[in-house]
N, C-alpha and C. Protein backbone atom coordinates (compact mmCIF):
# COMPACT_ATOMS: atom_id res chain seq x y z
N UNK A 1 227.66 243.94 -80.77
CA UNK A 1 226.60 244.26 -79.83
C UNK A 1 225.41 243.32 -80.00
N UNK A 2 225.10 242.95 -81.24
CA UNK A 2 223.96 242.07 -81.50
C UNK A 2 224.18 240.70 -80.86
N UNK A 3 225.40 240.17 -80.95
CA UNK A 3 225.70 238.85 -80.39
C UNK A 3 225.60 238.88 -78.87
N UNK A 4 226.04 239.94 -78.25
CA UNK A 4 225.97 240.06 -76.80
C UNK A 4 224.54 240.14 -76.31
N UNK A 5 223.69 240.76 -77.09
CA UNK A 5 222.29 240.92 -76.70
C UNK A 5 221.55 239.59 -76.70
N UNK A 6 221.84 238.73 -77.66
CA UNK A 6 221.11 237.47 -77.80
C UNK A 6 221.84 236.26 -77.19
N UNK A 7 223.06 236.43 -76.79
CA UNK A 7 223.82 235.30 -76.27
C UNK A 7 223.30 234.81 -74.92
N UNK A 8 223.03 235.71 -74.01
CA UNK A 8 222.58 235.31 -72.67
C UNK A 8 221.21 234.62 -72.70
N UNK A 9 220.19 235.17 -73.35
CA UNK A 9 218.90 234.45 -73.40
C UNK A 9 219.02 233.09 -74.09
N UNK A 10 219.79 233.00 -75.16
CA UNK A 10 219.97 231.73 -75.84
C UNK A 10 220.70 230.73 -74.95
N UNK A 11 221.71 231.19 -74.23
CA UNK A 11 222.46 230.31 -73.33
C UNK A 11 221.57 229.82 -72.18
N UNK A 12 220.72 230.68 -71.66
CA UNK A 12 219.81 230.27 -70.59
C UNK A 12 218.81 229.23 -71.08
N UNK A 13 218.24 229.43 -72.23
CA UNK A 13 217.30 228.46 -72.79
C UNK A 13 217.98 227.13 -73.11
N UNK A 14 219.15 227.19 -73.67
CA UNK A 14 219.87 225.96 -74.00
C UNK A 14 220.24 225.19 -72.73
N UNK A 15 220.70 225.88 -71.72
CA UNK A 15 221.06 225.23 -70.46
C UNK A 15 219.84 224.62 -69.79
N UNK A 16 218.73 225.35 -69.77
CA UNK A 16 217.51 224.83 -69.16
C UNK A 16 217.01 223.59 -69.90
N UNK A 17 217.11 223.60 -71.21
CA UNK A 17 216.67 222.45 -72.00
C UNK A 17 217.57 221.24 -71.77
N UNK A 18 218.85 221.46 -71.71
CA UNK A 18 219.80 220.36 -71.50
C UNK A 18 219.63 219.76 -70.11
N UNK A 19 219.40 220.57 -69.12
CA UNK A 19 219.27 220.09 -67.74
C UNK A 19 217.90 219.45 -67.50
N UNK A 20 216.88 219.85 -68.23
CA UNK A 20 215.51 219.38 -67.99
C UNK A 20 215.36 217.88 -68.23
N UNK A 21 216.00 217.33 -69.24
CA UNK A 21 215.82 215.92 -69.55
C UNK A 21 216.37 214.99 -68.47
N UNK A 22 217.61 215.12 -68.03
CA UNK A 22 218.08 214.23 -66.97
C UNK A 22 217.36 214.47 -65.63
N UNK A 23 217.03 215.71 -65.34
CA UNK A 23 216.35 216.02 -64.10
C UNK A 23 214.95 215.43 -64.08
N UNK A 24 214.24 215.47 -65.19
CA UNK A 24 212.90 214.90 -65.24
C UNK A 24 212.94 213.38 -65.12
N UNK A 25 213.94 212.75 -65.71
CA UNK A 25 214.08 211.29 -65.56
C UNK A 25 214.37 210.92 -64.11
N UNK A 26 215.18 211.72 -63.44
CA UNK A 26 215.50 211.47 -62.03
C UNK A 26 214.27 211.62 -61.15
N UNK A 27 213.49 212.66 -61.37
CA UNK A 27 212.27 212.87 -60.58
C UNK A 27 211.27 211.75 -60.84
N UNK A 28 211.13 211.31 -62.09
CA UNK A 28 210.23 210.20 -62.40
C UNK A 28 210.69 208.93 -61.70
N UNK A 29 211.99 208.70 -61.64
CA UNK A 29 212.55 207.54 -60.95
C UNK A 29 212.19 207.57 -59.47
N UNK A 30 212.27 208.74 -58.85
CA UNK A 30 211.92 208.88 -57.44
C UNK A 30 210.43 208.67 -57.23
N UNK A 31 209.60 209.25 -58.09
CA UNK A 31 208.16 209.14 -57.94
C UNK A 31 207.66 207.72 -58.20
N UNK A 32 208.37 206.94 -58.98
CA UNK A 32 208.00 205.54 -59.22
C UNK A 32 208.32 204.65 -58.02
N UNK A 33 209.03 205.17 -57.04
CA UNK A 33 209.37 204.40 -55.85
C UNK A 33 210.60 203.55 -55.99
N UNK A 34 211.40 203.79 -56.99
CA UNK A 34 212.61 203.00 -57.20
C UNK A 34 213.81 203.55 -56.43
N UNK A 35 213.67 204.71 -55.85
CA UNK A 35 214.77 205.35 -55.12
C UNK A 35 214.91 204.75 -53.73
N UNK A 36 216.10 204.36 -53.37
CA UNK A 36 216.43 203.89 -52.03
C UNK A 36 217.60 204.72 -51.53
N UNK A 37 217.38 205.51 -50.47
CA UNK A 37 218.46 206.38 -49.99
C UNK A 37 219.58 205.60 -49.31
N UNK A 38 220.75 206.21 -49.23
CA UNK A 38 221.85 205.65 -48.47
C UNK A 38 221.45 205.61 -47.00
N UNK A 39 222.14 204.83 -46.22
CA UNK A 39 221.78 204.69 -44.81
C UNK A 39 221.80 206.03 -44.08
N UNK A 40 222.78 206.85 -44.35
CA UNK A 40 222.89 208.15 -43.68
C UNK A 40 221.68 209.01 -44.03
N UNK A 41 221.31 209.03 -45.30
CA UNK A 41 220.17 209.83 -45.73
C UNK A 41 218.86 209.24 -45.21
N UNK A 42 218.78 207.91 -45.16
CA UNK A 42 217.59 207.27 -44.62
C UNK A 42 217.38 207.62 -43.16
N UNK A 43 218.46 207.63 -42.38
CA UNK A 43 218.38 208.02 -40.98
C UNK A 43 217.92 209.46 -40.85
N UNK A 44 218.46 210.34 -41.67
CA UNK A 44 218.10 211.75 -41.64
C UNK A 44 216.63 211.95 -42.00
N UNK A 45 216.13 211.20 -43.00
CA UNK A 45 214.72 211.30 -43.38
C UNK A 45 213.81 210.81 -42.26
N UNK A 46 214.23 209.77 -41.55
CA UNK A 46 213.43 209.28 -40.43
C UNK A 46 213.34 210.31 -39.32
N UNK A 47 214.41 211.05 -39.11
CA UNK A 47 214.40 212.08 -38.08
C UNK A 47 213.47 213.23 -38.44
N UNK A 48 213.33 213.51 -39.73
CA UNK A 48 212.48 214.62 -40.17
C UNK A 48 211.04 214.21 -40.41
N UNK A 49 210.75 212.92 -40.42
CA UNK A 49 209.41 212.42 -40.72
C UNK A 49 208.45 212.84 -39.62
N UNK A 50 207.34 213.45 -40.00
CA UNK A 50 206.35 213.88 -39.02
C UNK A 50 205.11 212.99 -39.06
N UNK A 51 205.17 211.88 -39.77
CA UNK A 51 204.06 210.95 -39.82
C UNK A 51 203.00 211.36 -40.83
N UNK A 52 201.91 210.60 -40.88
CA UNK A 52 200.85 210.93 -41.83
C UNK A 52 200.18 212.25 -41.47
N UNK A 53 199.81 212.98 -42.48
CA UNK A 53 199.19 214.29 -42.28
C UNK A 53 197.96 214.40 -43.18
N UNK A 54 197.04 215.24 -42.76
CA UNK A 54 195.89 215.55 -43.61
C UNK A 54 196.10 216.92 -44.23
N UNK A 55 195.12 217.38 -44.95
CA UNK A 55 195.28 218.63 -45.69
C UNK A 55 195.38 219.84 -44.77
N UNK A 56 194.92 219.73 -43.53
CA UNK A 56 194.97 220.87 -42.60
C UNK A 56 196.37 221.08 -42.01
N UNK A 57 197.15 220.01 -42.00
CA UNK A 57 198.47 220.11 -41.39
C UNK A 57 199.48 220.52 -42.41
């Protein structure tokens, strides 16, 4: 019973820690401007682009 009680929280913390490192490197790569989308994704982003916005929009 003791192992079942602590297994899920430990597994959640371990999984979150393991996933955090590659995900943070990926987000930093995108924020640095090094990301170039595939043509299909680039077209899709252009369709969704609403242009420059201010804080009210």
